[in-house]
């Protein structure tokens, strides 16, 4: 937990992203990822994963958990 805390950033309320998700309940995750771009968002949510191409143009990478199993995958 100490390592996680040392490498994390706390946000009260992230800035709204220009990237919009079809599901409004998922938007908070996209807003947060956008606020710290370049960033990775790991999700199994289909609505989020459909935004991969648009997200990459905004310096965000959206990945499924099975695509993000090792640190080596960070460059993909």
N, C-alpha and C. Protein backbone atom coordinates (compact mmCIF):
# COMPACT_ATOMS: atom_id res chain seq x y z
N UNK A 1 0.82 -1.19 0.00
CA UNK A 1 0.00 0.00 0.00
C UNK A 1 0.87 1.26 0.00
N UNK A 2 1.99 1.22 0.72
CA UNK A 2 2.89 2.37 0.75
C UNK A 2 3.43 2.68 -0.64
N UNK A 3 3.79 1.65 -1.38
CA UNK A 3 4.29 1.84 -2.74
C UNK A 3 3.21 2.43 -3.63
N UNK A 4 2.00 1.93 -3.50
CA UNK A 4 0.87 2.44 -4.30
C UNK A 4 0.65 3.92 -3.98
N UNK A 5 0.62 4.26 -2.71
CA UNK A 5 0.40 5.65 -2.30
C UNK A 5 1.49 6.57 -2.79
N UNK A 6 2.73 6.10 -2.77
CA UNK A 6 3.84 6.92 -3.22
C UNK A 6 3.78 7.21 -4.72
N UNK A 7 3.12 6.35 -5.47
CA UNK A 7 3.05 6.50 -6.92
C UNK A 7 1.67 6.92 -7.41
N UNK A 8 0.85 7.43 -6.54
CA UNK A 8 -0.50 7.81 -6.93
C UNK A 8 -0.72 9.32 -6.81
N UNK A 9 -1.75 9.80 -7.48
CA UNK A 9 -2.14 11.20 -7.45
C UNK A 9 -3.59 11.26 -7.01
N UNK A 10 -3.89 12.09 -6.05
CA UNK A 10 -5.28 12.24 -5.59
C UNK A 10 -5.94 13.42 -6.29
N UNK A 11 -7.19 13.22 -6.72
CA UNK A 11 -7.96 14.27 -7.38
C UNK A 11 -9.28 14.44 -6.66
N UNK A 12 -9.63 15.67 -6.36
CA UNK A 12 -10.94 15.95 -5.80
C UNK A 12 -12.00 15.77 -6.89
N UNK A 13 -11.80 16.47 -8.00
CA UNK A 13 -12.71 16.32 -9.14
C UNK A 13 -11.91 16.62 -10.41
N UNK A 14 -11.67 15.61 -11.22
CA UNK A 14 -10.89 15.81 -12.43
C UNK A 14 -11.63 16.69 -13.43
N UNK A 15 -10.87 17.31 -14.30
CA UNK A 15 -11.46 18.15 -15.35
C UNK A 15 -12.21 17.27 -16.34
N UNK A 16 -13.31 17.77 -16.89
CA UNK A 16 -14.06 16.99 -17.88
C UNK A 16 -13.22 16.75 -19.14
N UNK A 17 -13.30 15.57 -19.67
CA UNK A 17 -12.58 15.22 -20.88
C UNK A 17 -13.39 15.58 -22.11
N UNK A 18 -12.70 15.83 -23.21
CA UNK A 18 -13.39 16.04 -24.48
C UNK A 18 -13.89 14.71 -25.03
N UNK A 19 -13.33 13.62 -24.54
CA UNK A 19 -13.74 12.28 -24.95
C UNK A 19 -14.96 11.88 -24.13
N UNK A 20 -16.04 11.55 -24.79
CA UNK A 20 -17.30 11.24 -24.09
C UNK A 20 -17.66 9.77 -24.27
N UNK A 21 -18.05 9.16 -23.17
CA UNK A 21 -18.45 7.76 -23.15
C UNK A 21 -19.97 7.66 -23.28
N UNK A 22 -20.42 6.62 -23.94
CA UNK A 22 -21.86 6.40 -24.10
C UNK A 22 -22.56 6.19 -22.76
N UNK A 23 -21.86 5.56 -21.83
CA UNK A 23 -22.41 5.29 -20.49
C UNK A 23 -21.96 6.39 -19.53
N UNK A 24 -22.86 7.23 -19.06
CA UNK A 24 -22.46 8.33 -18.17
C UNK A 24 -21.81 7.87 -16.87
N UNK A 25 -22.08 6.66 -16.43
CA UNK A 25 -21.46 6.15 -15.21
C UNK A 25 -19.96 5.87 -15.40
N UNK A 26 -19.54 5.68 -16.64
CA UNK A 26 -18.13 5.42 -16.94
C UNK A 26 -17.35 6.70 -17.19
N UNK A 27 -18.04 7.80 -17.38
CA UNK A 27 -17.37 9.05 -17.76
C UNK A 27 -16.34 9.50 -16.73
N UNK A 28 -16.59 9.26 -15.46
CA UNK A 28 -15.65 9.70 -14.42
C UNK A 28 -14.27 9.06 -14.59
N UNK A 29 -14.23 7.83 -15.08
CA UNK A 29 -12.95 7.16 -15.28
C UNK A 29 -12.20 7.77 -16.46
N UNK A 30 -12.92 8.12 -17.50
CA UNK A 30 -12.31 8.75 -18.66
C UNK A 30 -11.82 10.14 -18.29
N UNK A 31 -12.61 10.88 -17.53
CA UNK A 31 -12.19 12.21 -17.09
C UNK A 31 -10.91 12.14 -16.27
N UNK A 32 -10.82 11.17 -15.39
CA UNK A 32 -9.63 11.01 -14.57
C UNK A 32 -8.41 10.64 -15.43
N UNK A 33 -8.58 9.70 -16.35
CA UNK A 33 -7.48 9.31 -17.23
C UNK A 33 -7.02 10.50 -18.07
N UNK A 34 -7.95 11.29 -18.52
CA UNK A 34 -7.63 12.47 -19.32
C UNK A 34 -6.87 13.51 -18.50
N UNK A 35 -7.18 13.62 -17.24
CA UNK A 35 -6.53 14.61 -16.37
C UNK A 35 -5.06 14.31 -16.12
N UNK A 36 -4.66 13.06 -16.28
CA UNK A 36 -3.27 12.69 -16.03
C UNK A 36 -2.60 12.11 -17.27
N UNK A 37 -3.11 12.45 -18.45
CA UNK A 37 -2.53 11.94 -19.69
C UNK A 37 -1.07 12.37 -19.80
N UNK A 38 -0.17 11.51 -20.26
CA UNK A 38 -0.45 10.19 -20.79
C UNK A 38 -0.83 9.21 -19.67
N UNK A 39 -1.77 8.36 -19.99
CA UNK A 39 -2.28 7.45 -18.96
C UNK A 39 -2.79 6.16 -19.57
N UNK A 40 -3.01 5.20 -18.70
CA UNK A 40 -3.61 3.91 -19.05
C UNK A 40 -4.88 3.74 -18.25
N UNK A 41 -5.90 3.22 -18.90
CA UNK A 41 -7.14 2.87 -18.22
C UNK A 41 -7.38 1.39 -18.49
N UNK A 42 -7.39 0.60 -17.45
CA UNK A 42 -7.57 -0.84 -17.59
C UNK A 42 -9.01 -1.16 -17.23
N UNK A 43 -9.74 -1.75 -18.19
CA UNK A 43 -11.17 -1.98 -17.99
C UNK A 43 -11.65 -3.15 -18.84
N UNK A 44 -12.70 -3.79 -18.36
CA UNK A 44 -13.39 -4.81 -19.16
C UNK A 44 -14.66 -4.23 -19.77
N UNK A 45 -14.94 -2.97 -19.50
CA UNK A 45 -16.16 -2.33 -19.97
C UNK A 45 -16.13 -2.08 -21.48
N UNK A 46 -17.11 -2.60 -22.18
CA UNK A 46 -17.14 -2.49 -23.65
C UNK A 46 -17.29 -1.05 -24.13
N UNK A 47 -18.06 -0.24 -23.41
CA UNK A 47 -18.23 1.16 -23.81
C UNK A 47 -16.92 1.93 -23.73
N UNK A 48 -16.14 1.66 -22.72
CA UNK A 48 -14.84 2.31 -22.59
C UNK A 48 -13.89 1.82 -23.67
N UNK A 49 -13.84 0.51 -23.86
CA UNK A 49 -12.90 -0.05 -24.83
C UNK A 49 -13.21 0.36 -26.27
N UNK A 50 -14.46 0.70 -26.56
CA UNK A 50 -14.82 1.18 -27.90
C UNK A 50 -14.16 2.53 -28.22
N UNK A 51 -13.70 3.22 -27.20
CA UNK A 51 -13.11 4.54 -27.38
C UNK A 51 -11.58 4.50 -27.54
N UNK A 52 -11.02 3.33 -27.71
CA UNK A 52 -9.56 3.18 -27.76
C UNK A 52 -8.88 4.09 -28.78
N UNK A 53 -9.38 4.09 -29.99
CA UNK A 53 -8.73 4.86 -31.06
C UNK A 53 -8.75 6.36 -30.74
N UNK A 54 -9.90 6.85 -30.33
CA UNK A 54 -10.01 8.27 -29.98
C UNK A 54 -9.14 8.60 -28.77
N UNK A 55 -9.10 7.69 -27.81
CA UNK A 55 -8.30 7.91 -26.60
C UNK A 55 -6.82 8.00 -26.93
N UNK A 56 -6.36 7.18 -27.85
CA UNK A 56 -4.94 7.18 -28.19
C UNK A 56 -4.51 8.53 -28.77
N UNK A 57 -5.41 9.21 -29.45
CA UNK A 57 -5.10 10.53 -30.00
C UNK A 57 -4.95 11.57 -28.88
N UNK A 58 -5.49 11.26 -27.70
CA UNK A 58 -5.43 12.16 -26.55
C UNK A 58 -4.39 11.70 -25.52
N UNK A 59 -3.48 10.82 -25.94
CA UNK A 59 -2.40 10.30 -25.10
C UNK A 59 -2.90 9.41 -23.97
N UNK A 60 -3.99 8.69 -24.23
CA UNK A 60 -4.51 7.73 -23.27
C UNK A 60 -4.57 6.37 -23.96
N UNK A 61 -4.30 5.33 -23.22
CA UNK A 61 -4.42 3.97 -23.74
C UNK A 61 -5.41 3.22 -22.89
N UNK A 62 -6.41 2.66 -23.53
CA UNK A 62 -7.43 1.87 -22.85
C UNK A 62 -7.14 0.41 -23.17
N UNK A 63 -6.99 -0.41 -22.15
CA UNK A 63 -6.63 -1.82 -22.32
C UNK A 63 -7.52 -2.71 -21.46
N UNK A 64 -7.73 -3.95 -21.97
CA UNK A 64 -8.39 -4.98 -21.15
C UNK A 64 -7.35 -5.52 -20.18
N UNK A 65 -7.79 -6.07 -19.05
CA UNK A 65 -6.84 -6.60 -18.07
C UNK A 65 -5.90 -7.65 -18.67
N UNK A 66 -6.40 -8.50 -19.55
CA UNK A 66 -5.53 -9.54 -20.11
C UNK A 66 -4.48 -8.96 -21.07
N UNK A 67 -4.66 -7.74 -21.53
CA UNK A 67 -3.67 -7.08 -22.38
C UNK A 67 -2.62 -6.34 -21.54
N UNK A 68 -2.84 -6.25 -20.28
CA UNK A 68 -2.01 -5.45 -19.40
C UNK A 68 -1.45 -6.31 -18.28
N UNK A 69 -0.97 -7.49 -18.64
CA UNK A 69 -0.53 -8.44 -17.61
C UNK A 69 0.91 -8.22 -17.17
N UNK A 70 1.71 -7.60 -18.00
CA UNK A 70 3.09 -7.36 -17.60
C UNK A 70 3.46 -5.91 -17.90
N UNK A 71 4.46 -5.46 -17.26
CA UNK A 71 4.95 -4.10 -17.47
C UNK A 71 5.42 -3.91 -18.90
N UNK A 72 5.85 -4.97 -19.55
CA UNK A 72 6.32 -4.92 -20.91
C UNK A 72 5.25 -4.43 -21.87
N UNK A 73 3.98 -4.68 -21.56
CA UNK A 73 2.88 -4.27 -22.43
C UNK A 73 2.67 -2.76 -22.43
N UNK A 74 3.32 -2.02 -21.58
CA UNK A 74 3.10 -0.58 -21.52
C UNK A 74 3.40 0.13 -22.82
N UNK A 75 4.30 -0.41 -23.61
CA UNK A 75 4.67 0.26 -24.87
C UNK A 75 3.72 -0.09 -26.01
N UNK A 76 2.80 -1.01 -25.82
CA UNK A 76 1.88 -1.42 -26.89
C UNK A 76 0.81 -0.38 -27.14
